[in-house]
Amino acid sequence: MSSLRIKLTKLVNEVVLFAFWTRGHPPPSPPRKMSNPLIAFLKLLSPRRCVACRRFGPYFCIDCLKHIRPIFHQKCTGCGQVSHGGATHGLCQKRYGLDGLFSLFKYQGAVRAGITKLKYGKLTDIKFELAELVNLGFQIQGEHDILSKLESYIVGQHPVVVPVPLHWWKKAKRGFNQAEIIGEILADEYDLPMLPRVLKRKFRLLSQTKLKSKERIKNTKGIYYLNSDYMLKNRIDPVLENILLVDDVTTTGSTLKQATIALKKRGVKRVWGVSLAT
């Protein structure tokens, strides 16, 4: 009976979201839930487990952390060849292209499991341990002199952190945007302002995880646009001249590239991308 009840509840939520979507209105904010003593008690009975090996303890256990692989050879977004610190090669730079792309870890093991849990398991409290993981990644990269290009951009231009947006339908269902969580971590790490509403997404996409390389590029083409709130008399707000664009995972880089095109066509001067994994 409980299973049927859950299915009916999900169906009603989908219908409500669809009704608002077809009328062009954003979905209503979910009602504030009262704290349930039973749920709190059950959480005590089901302590945390490592996202990778399922051992009781922190979400990232020490043994699994040992197998996480930082990316020591960053690549140019233009030619795909190794580039120091992820800066785009001079000959590869385009008018509406990324100025650099920096990724912290290989998308495998505990990192992949953690991002998956964050995305689909609604394990939002993992972000505190994720913040420690990001700090650890930057510390390792700094020790190997890989951060110099990115940090030079951050210190010199003091960019605004802009997370890649989710479609509002997907965000309403999930309750959060994982890129915003990672963006908050970066903003705190480097004491930068974060503006989560700078970019908007035009329409709902197929999941990128199910598509091949060429399909990913086609699936993201022209889907982002600048929020009109940040335009001043047909000119972009000067605060947005330099941007640190954040996403959770980059595969082909098509998402970040399309977001950069939308930003630079409106007057943004420089855009560096940062992802947790690739």
C-alpha atoms as a PDB file:
ATOM      1  CA  MET A   1       0.000   0.000   0.000  1.00  0.00           C
ATOM      2  CA  SER A   2       2.835   2.356   0.883  1.00  0.00           C
ATOM      3  CA  SER A   3       4.492   1.710  -2.504  1.00  0.00           C
ATOM      4  CA  LEU A   4       1.276   2.670  -4.326  1.00  0.00           C
ATOM      5  CA  ARG A   5       0.982   5.808  -2.205  1.00  0.00           C
ATOM      6  CA  ILE A   6       4.528   6.881  -3.113  1.00  0.00           C
ATOM      7  CA  LYS A   7       3.849   6.324  -6.827  1.00  0.00           C
ATOM      8  CA  LEU A   8       0.617   8.363  -6.670  1.00  0.00           C
ATOM      9  CA  THR A   9       2.414  11.201  -4.873  1.00  0.00           C
ATOM     10  CA  LYS A  10       5.130  11.285  -7.559  1.00  0.00           C
ATOM     11  CA  LEU A  11       2.477  11.267 -10.295  1.00  0.00           C
ATOM     12  CA  VAL A  12       0.642  14.220  -8.738  1.00  0.00           C
ATOM     13  CA  ASN A  13       3.924  16.173  -8.451  1.00  0.00           C
ATOM     14  CA  GLU A  14       4.717  15.513 -12.124  1.00  0.00           C
ATOM     15  CA  VAL A  15       1.246  16.700 -13.183  1.00  0.00           C
ATOM     16  CA  VAL A  16       1.575  19.910 -11.141  1.00  0.00           C
ATOM     17  CA  LEU A  17       5.021  20.653 -12.584  1.00  0.00           C
ATOM     18  CA  PHE A  18       3.812  19.973 -16.116  1.00  0.00           C
ATOM     19  CA  ALA A  19       0.802  22.279 -15.652  1.00  0.00           C
ATOM     20  CA  PHE A  20       3.026  25.171 -14.605  1.00  0.00           C
ATOM     21  CA  TRP A  21       5.537  24.423 -17.377  1.00  0.00           C
ATOM     22  CA  THR A  22       2.912  24.509 -20.148  1.00  0.00           C
ATOM     23  CA  ARG A  23       1.605  27.857 -18.847  1.00  0.00           C
ATOM     24  CA  GLY A  24       5.097  29.369 -18.791  1.00  0.00           C
ATOM     25  CA  HIS A  25       5.206  29.824 -15.013  1.00  0.00           C
ATOM     26  CA  PRO A  26       7.908  28.571 -12.657  1.00  0.00           C
ATOM     27  CA  PRO A  27       6.799  25.750 -10.346  1.00  0.00           C
ATOM     28  CA  PRO A  28       5.536  26.585  -6.865  1.00  0.00           C
ATOM     29  CA  SER A  29       7.986  26.350  -4.001  1.00  0.00           C
ATOM     30  CA  PRO A  30       7.555  23.100  -2.081  1.00  0.00           C
ATOM     31  CA  PRO A  31       5.852  23.483   1.303  1.00  0.00           C
ATOM     32  CA  ARG A  32       8.134  23.613   4.286  1.00  0.00           C
ATOM     33  CA  LYS A  33       8.264  20.210   5.927  1.00  0.00           C
ATOM     34  CA  MET A  34       7.933  19.850   9.679  1.00  0.00           C
ATOM     35  CA  SER A  35      10.732  17.915  11.332  1.00  0.00           C
ATOM     36  CA  ASN A  36       9.641  14.331  11.860  1.00  0.00           C
ATOM     37  CA  PRO A  37      10.979  12.711  15.070  1.00  0.00           C
ATOM     38  CA  LEU A  38      10.578   9.264  13.511  1.00  0.00           C
ATOM     39  CA  ILE A  39      12.731  10.202  10.488  1.00  0.00           C
ATOM     40  CA  ALA A  40      15.377  11.682  12.794  1.00  0.00           C
ATOM     41  CA  PHE A  41      15.365   8.463  14.824  1.00  0.00           C
ATOM     42  CA  LEU A  42      15.671   6.308  11.687  1.00  0.00           C
ATOM     43  CA  LYS A  43      18.674   8.370  10.554  1.00  0.00           C
ATOM     44  CA  LEU A  44      20.359   7.495  13.834  1.00  0.00           C
ATOM     45  CA  LEU A  45      19.731   3.828  13.069  1.00  0.00           C
ATOM     46  CA  SER A  46      21.223   4.143   9.567  1.00  0.00           C
ATOM     47  CA  PRO A  47      24.613   5.850   9.963  1.00  0.00           C
ATOM     48  CA  ARG A  48      26.676   7.126   7.058  1.00  0.00           C
ATOM     49  CA  ARG A  49      28.481   4.809   4.692  1.00  0.00           C
ATOM     50  CA  CYS A  50      31.293   5.452   2.238  1.00  0.00           C
ATOM     51  CA  VAL A  51      29.777   6.211  -1.174  1.00  0.00           C
ATOM     52  CA  ALA A  52      32.250   3.873  -2.879  1.00  0.00           C
ATOM     53  CA  CYS A  53      32.889   0.831  -0.650  1.00  0.00           C
ATOM     54  CA  ARG A  54      29.793   1.178   1.597  1.00  0.00           C
ATOM     55  CA  ARG A  55      31.875   0.865   4.761  1.00  0.00           C
ATOM     56  CA  PHE A  56      30.336   2.548   7.813  1.00  0.00           C
ATOM     57  CA  GLY A  57      31.883   5.940   8.496  1.00  0.00           C
ATOM     58  CA  PRO A  58      32.380   9.126   6.433  1.00  0.00           C
ATOM     59  CA  TYR A  59      31.071   9.426   2.846  1.00  0.00           C
ATOM     60  CA  PHE A  60      34.685   9.303   1.632  1.00  0.00           C
ATOM     61  CA  CYS A  61      36.626   6.751   3.689  1.00  0.00           C
ATOM     62  CA  ILE A  62      40.419   6.924   3.990  1.00  0.00           C
ATOM     63  CA  ASP A  63      40.990   3.793   1.905  1.00  0.00           C
ATOM     64  CA  CYS A  64      38.863   5.108  -1.004  1.00  0.00           C
ATOM     65  CA  LEU A  65      40.457   8.553  -0.799  1.00  0.00           C
ATOM     66  CA  LYS A  66      43.827   6.885  -1.439  1.00  0.00           C
ATOM     67  CA  HIS A  67      42.571   5.764  -4.860  1.00  0.00           C
ATOM     68  CA  ILE A  68      41.265   9.162  -5.973  1.00  0.00           C
ATOM     69  CA  ARG A  69      43.296  10.430  -8.927  1.00  0.00           C
ATOM     70  CA  PRO A  70      43.971  14.188  -9.257  1.00  0.00           C
ATOM     71  CA  ILE A  71      44.474  15.493 -12.796  1.00  0.00           C
ATOM     72  CA  PHE A  72      48.079  16.598 -13.168  1.00  0.00           C
ATOM     73  CA  HIS A  73      47.949  17.057 -16.951  1.00  0.00           C
ATOM     74  CA  GLN A  74      45.273  19.623 -17.767  1.00  0.00           C
ATOM     75  CA  LYS A  75      44.229  19.944 -21.414  1.00  0.00           C
ATOM     76  CA  CYS A  76      43.589  22.814 -23.810  1.00  0.00           C
ATOM     77  CA  THR A  77      39.886  23.166 -24.658  1.00  0.00           C
ATOM     78  CA  GLY A  78      40.750  23.907 -28.275  1.00  0.00           C
ATOM     79  CA  CYS A  79      43.095  21.133 -29.424  1.00  0.00           C
ATOM     80  CA  GLY A  80      42.783  18.712 -26.528  1.00  0.00           C
ATOM     81  CA  GLN A  81      46.545  18.593 -26.008  1.00  0.00           C
ATOM     82  CA  VAL A  82      48.272  19.047 -22.649  1.00  0.00           C
ATOM     83  CA  SER A  83      48.310  22.651 -21.473  1.00  0.00           C
ATOM     84  CA  HIS A  84      49.936  23.973 -18.309  1.00  0.00           C
ATOM     85  CA  GLY A  85      47.218  24.685 -15.777  1.00  0.00           C
ATOM     86  CA  GLY A  86      44.441  24.230 -18.344  1.00  0.00           C
ATOM     87  CA  ALA A  87      44.945  27.573 -20.097  1.00  0.00           C
ATOM     88  CA  THR A  88      43.758  27.600 -23.719  1.00  0.00           C
ATOM     89  CA  HIS A  89      46.701  27.758 -26.121  1.00  0.00           C
ATOM     90  CA  GLY A  90      47.164  31.102 -27.880  1.00  0.00           C
ATOM     91  CA  LEU A  91      46.594  29.592 -31.338  1.00  0.00           C
ATOM     92  CA  CYS A  92      43.496  27.741 -30.082  1.00  0.00           C
ATOM     93  CA  GLN A  93      41.735  30.774 -28.607  1.00  0.00           C
ATOM     94  CA  LYS A  94      38.431  31.749 -30.184  1.00  0.00           C
ATOM     95  CA  ARG A  95      36.358  34.884 -29.880  1.00  0.00           C
ATOM     96  CA  TYR A  96      33.599  33.105 -27.953  1.00  0.00           C
ATOM     97  CA  GLY A  97      35.710  30.292 -26.496  1.00  0.00           C
ATOM     98  CA  LEU A  98      36.862  29.358 -23.002  1.00  0.00           C
ATOM     99  CA  ASP A  99      40.051  31.012 -21.800  1.00  0.00           C
ATOM    100  CA  GLY A 100      40.877  27.949 -19.741  1.00  0.00           C
ATOM    101  CA  LEU A 101      39.401  24.834 -18.141  1.00  0.00           C
ATOM    102  CA  PHE A 102      40.572  23.296 -14.890  1.00  0.00           C
ATOM    103  CA  SER A 103      39.373  19.937 -13.540  1.00  0.00           C
ATOM    104  CA  LEU A 104      40.346  18.522 -10.167  1.00  0.00           C
ATOM    105  CA  PHE A 105      39.852  14.754 -10.366  1.00  0.00           C
ATOM    106  CA  LYS A 106      39.351  11.792 -12.662  1.00  0.00           C
ATOM    107  CA  TYR A 107      35.666  10.886 -12.876  1.00  0.00           C
ATOM    108  CA  GLN A 108      35.980   7.462 -11.281  1.00  0.00           C
ATOM    109  CA  GLY A 109      35.863   5.634  -7.954  1.00  0.00           C
ATOM    110  CA  ALA A 110      34.766   7.611  -4.918  1.00  0.00           C
ATOM    111  CA  VAL A 111      34.533  10.887  -6.871  1.00  0.00           C
ATOM    112  CA  ARG A 112      32.097   9.390  -9.384  1.00  0.00           C
ATOM    113  CA  ALA A 113      30.096   7.715  -6.617  1.00  0.00           C
ATOM    114  CA  GLY A 114      29.946  10.961  -4.641  1.00  0.00           C
ATOM    115  CA  ILE A 115      28.729  13.046  -7.593  1.00  0.00           C
ATOM    116  CA  THR A 116      26.145  10.376  -8.478  1.00  0.00           C
ATOM    117  CA  LYS A 117      24.850  10.325  -4.900  1.00  0.00           C
ATOM    118  CA  LEU A 118      24.730  14.120  -4.857  1.00  0.00           C
ATOM    119  CA  LYS A 119      22.841  14.225  -8.172  1.00  0.00           C
ATOM    120  CA  TYR A 120      20.405  11.366  -7.915  1.00  0.00           C
ATOM    121  CA  GLY A 121      20.411  10.274  -4.295  1.00  0.00           C
ATOM    122  CA  LYS A 122      19.612  13.744  -2.908  1.00  0.00           C
ATOM    123  CA  LEU A 123      22.467  13.244  -0.452  1.00  0.00           C
ATOM    124  CA  THR A 124      22.888  16.981   0.017  1.00  0.00           C
ATOM    125  CA  ASP A 125      24.710  16.687   3.363  1.00  0.00           C
ATOM    126  CA  ILE A 126      27.611  15.153   1.440  1.00  0.00           C
ATOM    127  CA  LYS A 127      28.580  18.695   0.408  1.00  0.00           C
ATOM    128  CA  PHE A 128      30.479  19.257   3.674  1.00  0.00           C
ATOM    129  CA  GLU A 129      32.787  16.327   2.981  1.00  0.00           C
ATOM    130  CA  LEU A 130      32.842  17.322  -0.693  1.00  0.00           C
ATOM    131  CA  ALA A 131      34.166  20.736   0.364  1.00  0.00           C
ATOM    132  CA  GLU A 132      37.021  19.011   2.209  1.00  0.00           C
ATOM    133  CA  LEU A 133      37.697  16.899  -0.891  1.00  0.00           C
ATOM    134  CA  VAL A 134      37.819  20.019  -3.103  1.00  0.00           C
ATOM    135  CA  ASN A 135      40.202  21.712  -0.651  1.00  0.00           C
ATOM    136  CA  LEU A 136      42.380  18.601  -0.675  1.00  0.00           C
ATOM    137  CA  GLY A 137      42.373  18.608  -4.490  1.00  0.00           C
ATOM    138  CA  PHE A 138      43.463  22.245  -4.666  1.00  0.00           C
ATOM    139  CA  GLN A 139      46.163  21.602  -2.070  1.00  0.00           C
ATOM    140  CA  ILE A 140      47.582  18.695  -4.095  1.00  0.00           C
ATOM    141  CA  GLN A 141      47.414  20.667  -7.343  1.00  0.00           C
ATOM    142  CA  GLY A 142      49.075  23.642  -5.685  1.00  0.00           C
ATOM    143  CA  GLU A 143      51.956  21.487  -4.442  1.00  0.00           C
ATOM    144  CA  HIS A 144      52.574  20.369  -8.043  1.00  0.00           C
ATOM    145  CA  ASP A 145      52.450  23.950  -9.391  1.00  0.00           C
ATOM    146  CA  ILE A 146      49.385  23.254 -11.548  1.00  0.00           C
ATOM    147  CA  LEU A 147      47.201  26.004 -10.077  1.00  0.00           C
ATOM    148  CA  SER A 148      49.348  28.963 -11.143  1.00  0.00           C
ATOM    149  CA  LYS A 149      47.365  29.890 -14.298  1.00  0.00           C
ATOM    150  CA  LEU A 150      43.953  29.592 -12.622  1.00  0.00           C
ATOM    151  CA  GLU A 151      45.024  31.416  -9.470  1.00  0.00           C
ATOM    152  CA  SER A 152      46.652  34.145 -11.541  1.00  0.00           C
ATOM    153  CA  TYR A 153      43.289  34.686 -13.237  1.00  0.00           C
ATOM    154  CA  ILE A 154      41.410  34.638  -9.917  1.00  0.00           C
ATOM    155  CA  VAL A 155      43.795  37.038  -8.152  1.00  0.00           C
ATOM    156  CA  GLY A 156      44.193  39.348 -11.140  1.00  0.00           C
ATOM    157  CA  GLN A 157      40.587  39.545 -12.340  1.00  0.00           C
ATOM    158  CA  HIS A 158      38.573  38.597  -9.216  1.00  0.00           C
ATOM    159  CA  PRO A 159      35.891  36.827 -11.299  1.00  0.00           C
ATOM    160  CA  VAL A 160      32.285  36.106 -10.379  1.00  0.00           C
ATOM    161  CA  VAL A 161      31.435  32.438  -9.780  1.00  0.00           C
ATOM    162  CA  VAL A 162      28.589  31.351 -12.082  1.00  0.00           C
ATOM    163  CA  PRO A 163      27.269  27.774 -11.826  1.00  0.00           C
ATOM    164  CA  VAL A 164      25.924  26.105 -14.973  1.00  0.00           C
ATOM    165  CA  PRO A 165      22.116  26.124 -14.512  1.00  0.00           C
ATOM    166  CA  LEU A 166      19.765  23.153 -14.501  1.00  0.00           C
ATOM    167  CA  HIS A 167      16.487  23.299 -16.370  1.00  0.00           C
ATOM    168  CA  TRP A 168      13.912  24.525 -13.797  1.00  0.00           C
ATOM    169  CA  TRP A 169      11.888  21.318 -14.190  1.00  0.00           C
ATOM    170  CA  LYS A 170      14.893  19.177 -13.251  1.00  0.00           C
ATOM    171  CA  LYS A 171      15.881  21.505 -10.411  1.00  0.00           C
ATOM    172  CA  ALA A 172      12.325  21.456  -9.032  1.00  0.00           C
ATOM    173  CA  LYS A 173      12.338  17.657  -9.004  1.00  0.00           C
ATOM    174  CA  ARG A 174      15.841  17.369  -7.538  1.00  0.00           C
ATOM    175  CA  GLY A 175      15.485  20.278  -5.130  1.00  0.00           C
ATOM    176  CA  PHE A 176      18.955  21.706  -5.796  1.00  0.00           C
ATOM    177  CA  ASN A 177      21.606  22.256  -8.461  1.00  0.00           C
ATOM    178  CA  GLN A 178      24.810  20.316  -7.802  1.00  0.00           C
ATOM    179  CA  ALA A 179      26.873  22.885  -9.744  1.00  0.00           C
ATOM    180  CA  GLU A 180      25.695  25.555  -7.280  1.00  0.00           C
ATOM    181  CA  ILE A 181      26.936  23.471  -4.352  1.00  0.00           C
ATOM    182  CA  ILE A 182      30.377  23.115  -5.962  1.00  0.00           C
ATOM    183  CA  GLY A 183      30.276  26.835  -6.887  1.00  0.00           C
ATOM    184  CA  GLU A 184      29.660  27.761  -3.250  1.00  0.00           C
ATOM    185  CA  ILE A 185      32.691  25.727  -2.213  1.00  0.00           C
ATOM    186  CA  LEU A 186      34.901  27.528  -4.766  1.00  0.00           C
ATOM    187  CA  ALA A 187      33.496  30.934  -3.853  1.00  0.00           C
ATOM    188  CA  ASP A 188      34.294  30.305  -0.171  1.00  0.00           C
ATOM    189  CA  GLU A 189      37.749  28.913  -0.979  1.00  0.00           C
ATOM    190  CA  TYR A 190      38.805  32.012  -2.953  1.00  0.00           C
ATOM    191  CA  ASP A 191      36.541  34.626  -1.352  1.00  0.00           C
ATOM    192  CA  LEU A 192      34.688  35.327  -4.620  1.00  0.00           C
ATOM    193  CA  PRO A 193      31.098  36.514  -5.194  1.00  0.00           C
ATOM    194  CA  MET A 194      28.687  33.930  -6.596  1.00  0.00           C
ATOM    195  CA  LEU A 195      25.681  34.750  -8.797  1.00  0.00           C
ATOM    196  CA  PRO A 196      23.625  31.592  -9.490  1.00  0.00           C
ATOM    197  CA  ARG A 197      21.015  33.277 -11.717  1.00  0.00           C
ATOM    198  CA  VAL A 198      23.270  34.827 -14.363  1.00  0.00           C
ATOM    199  CA  LEU A 199      22.622  32.065 -16.895  1.00  0.00           C
ATOM    200  CA  LYS A 200      19.305  30.514 -17.850  1.00  0.00           C
ATOM    201  CA  ARG A 201      18.488  27.395 -19.833  1.00  0.00           C
ATOM    202  CA  LYS A 202      16.020  27.597 -22.719  1.00  0.00           C
ATOM    203  CA  PHE A 203      14.596  24.126 -22.776  1.00  0.00           C
ATOM    204  CA  ARG A 204      14.794  20.720 -21.223  1.00  0.00           C
ATOM    205  CA  LEU A 205      17.606  18.426 -22.409  1.00  0.00           C
ATOM    206  CA  LEU A 206      18.090  14.719 -22.744  1.00  0.00           C
ATOM    207  CA  SER A 207      20.480  13.468 -20.088  1.00  0.00           C
ATOM    208  CA  GLN A 208      24.066  14.003 -21.278  1.00  0.00           C
ATOM    209  CA  THR A 209      25.144  10.762 -19.580  1.00  0.00           C
ATOM    210  CA  LYS A 210      23.204   8.721 -22.150  1.00  0.00           C
ATOM    211  CA  LEU A 211      24.638  10.430 -25.243  1.00  0.00           C
ATOM    212  CA  LYS A 212      27.743   9.959 -27.367  1.00  0.00           C
ATOM    213  CA  SER A 213      30.288  12.722 -28.000  1.00  0.00           C
ATOM    214  CA  LYS A 214      28.683  14.240 -31.138  1.00  0.00           C
ATOM    215  CA  GLU A 215      25.200  13.910 -29.636  1.00  0.00           C
ATOM    216  CA  ARG A 216      26.324  15.785 -26.509  1.00  0.00           C
ATOM    217  CA  ILE A 217      27.478  18.752 -28.608  1.00  0.00           C
ATOM    218  CA  LYS A 218      24.212  18.834 -30.575  1.00  0.00           C
ATOM    219  CA  ASN A 219      22.167  18.405 -27.381  1.00  0.00           C
ATOM    220  CA  THR A 220      23.665  21.529 -25.757  1.00  0.00           C
ATOM    221  CA  LYS A 221      23.846  23.857 -28.765  1.00  0.00           C
ATOM    222  CA  GLY A 222      22.261  27.253 -28.144  1.00  0.00           C
ATOM    223  CA  ILE A 223      20.470  26.316 -24.925  1.00  0.00           C
ATOM    224  CA  TYR A 224      21.860  29.028 -22.607  1.00  0.00           C
ATOM    225  CA  TYR A 225      21.158  32.737 -22.479  1.00  0.00           C
ATOM    226  CA  LEU A 226      22.007  35.618 -20.191  1.00  0.00           C
ATOM    227  CA  ASN A 227      19.443  36.678 -17.603  1.00  0.00           C
ATOM    228  CA  SER A 228      18.108  40.114 -18.676  1.00  0.00           C
ATOM    229  CA  ASP A 229      18.389  41.295 -15.044  1.00  0.00           C
ATOM    230  CA  TYR A 230      22.130  41.604 -15.655  1.00  0.00           C
ATOM    231  CA  MET A 231      21.819  43.823 -18.719  1.00  0.00           C
ATOM    232  CA  LEU A 232      22.106  47.601 -18.343  1.00  0.00           C
ATOM    233  CA  LYS A 233      20.840  49.508 -21.428  1.00  0.00           C
ATOM    234  CA  ASN A 234      21.779  46.649 -23.759  1.00  0.00           C
ATOM    235  CA  ARG A 235      25.176  46.331 -22.106  1.00  0.00           C
ATOM    236  CA  ILE A 236      26.245  43.673 -19.644  1.00  0.00           C
ATOM    237  CA  ASP A 237      26.700  44.603 -15.994  1.00  0.00           C
ATOM    238  CA  PRO A 238      30.438  45.434 -15.569  1.00  0.00           C
ATOM    239  CA  VAL A 239      30.628  43.046 -12.591  1.00  0.00           C
ATOM    240  CA  LEU A 240      30.300  40.160 -15.063  1.00  0.00           C
ATOM    241  CA  GLU A 241      33.295  41.010 -17.264  1.00  0.00           C
ATOM    242  CA  ASN A 242      35.250  38.081 -15.753  1.00  0.00           C
ATOM    243  CA  ILE A 243      33.597  34.791 -14.868  1.00  0.00           C
ATOM    244  CA  LEU A 244      34.516  31.479 -13.261  1.00  0.00           C
ATOM    245  CA  LEU A 245      32.043  29.021 -14.794  1.00  0.00           C
ATOM    246  CA  VAL A 246      31.404  25.938 -12.646  1.00  0.00           C
ATOM    247  CA  ASP A 247      30.057  22.480 -13.489  1.00  0.00           C
ATOM    248  CA  ASP A 248      30.266  19.149 -11.706  1.00  0.00           C
ATOM    249  CA  VAL A 249      31.563  16.952 -14.555  1.00  0.00           C
ATOM    250  CA  THR A 250      33.026  17.744 -17.976  1.00  0.00           C
ATOM    251  CA  THR A 251      33.298  15.059 -20.655  1.00  0.00           C
ATOM    252  CA  THR A 252      33.408  16.736 -24.062  1.00  0.00           C
ATOM    253  CA  GLY A 253      33.228  20.207 -22.484  1.00  0.00           C
ATOM    254  CA  SER A 254      30.195  21.023 -24.663  1.00  0.00           C
ATOM    255  CA  THR A 255      28.108  22.332 -21.749  1.00  0.00           C
ATOM    256  CA  LEU A 256      30.758  24.806 -20.599  1.00  0.00           C
ATOM    257  CA  LYS A 257      31.540  25.830 -24.178  1.00  0.00           C
ATOM    258  CA  GLN A 258      27.904  26.630 -24.999  1.00  0.00           C
ATOM    259  CA  ALA A 259      27.502  28.546 -21.740  1.00  0.00           C
ATOM    260  CA  THR A 260      30.650  30.536 -22.584  1.00  0.00           C
ATOM    261  CA  ILE A 261      29.298  31.421 -26.037  1.00  0.00           C
ATOM    262  CA  ALA A 262      26.113  32.780 -24.429  1.00  0.00           C
ATOM    263  CA  LEU A 263      28.151  34.883 -21.989  1.00  0.00           C
ATOM    264  CA  LYS A 264      30.754  36.260 -24.396  1.00  0.00           C
ATOM    265  CA  LYS A 265      28.192  37.193 -27.039  1.00  0.00           C
ATOM    266  CA  ARG A 266      26.702  39.501 -24.427  1.00  0.00           C
ATOM    267  CA  GLY A 267      29.985  41.190 -23.562  1.00  0.00           C
ATOM    268  CA  VAL A 268      31.780  39.010 -21.004  1.00  0.00           C
ATOM    269  CA  LYS A 269      35.526  39.381 -21.588  1.00  0.00           C
ATOM    270  CA  ARG A 270      37.070  36.313 -19.950  1.00  0.00           C
ATOM    271  CA  VAL A 271      35.663  32.929 -18.883  1.00  0.00           C
ATOM    272  CA  TRP A 272      37.510  30.146 -17.121  1.00  0.00           C
ATOM    273  CA  GLY A 273      35.738  26.838 -16.532  1.00  0.00           C
ATOM    274  CA  VAL A 274      36.179  24.738 -13.400  1.00  0.00           C
ATOM    275  CA  SER A 275      34.819  21.242 -12.874  1.00  0.00           C
ATOM    276  CA  LEU A 276      35.084  18.781 -10.028  1.00  0.00           C
ATOM    277  CA  ALA A 277      35.859  15.880 -12.353  1.00  0.00           C
ATOM    278  CA  THR A 278      36.424  14.864 -15.956  1.00  0.00           C
END
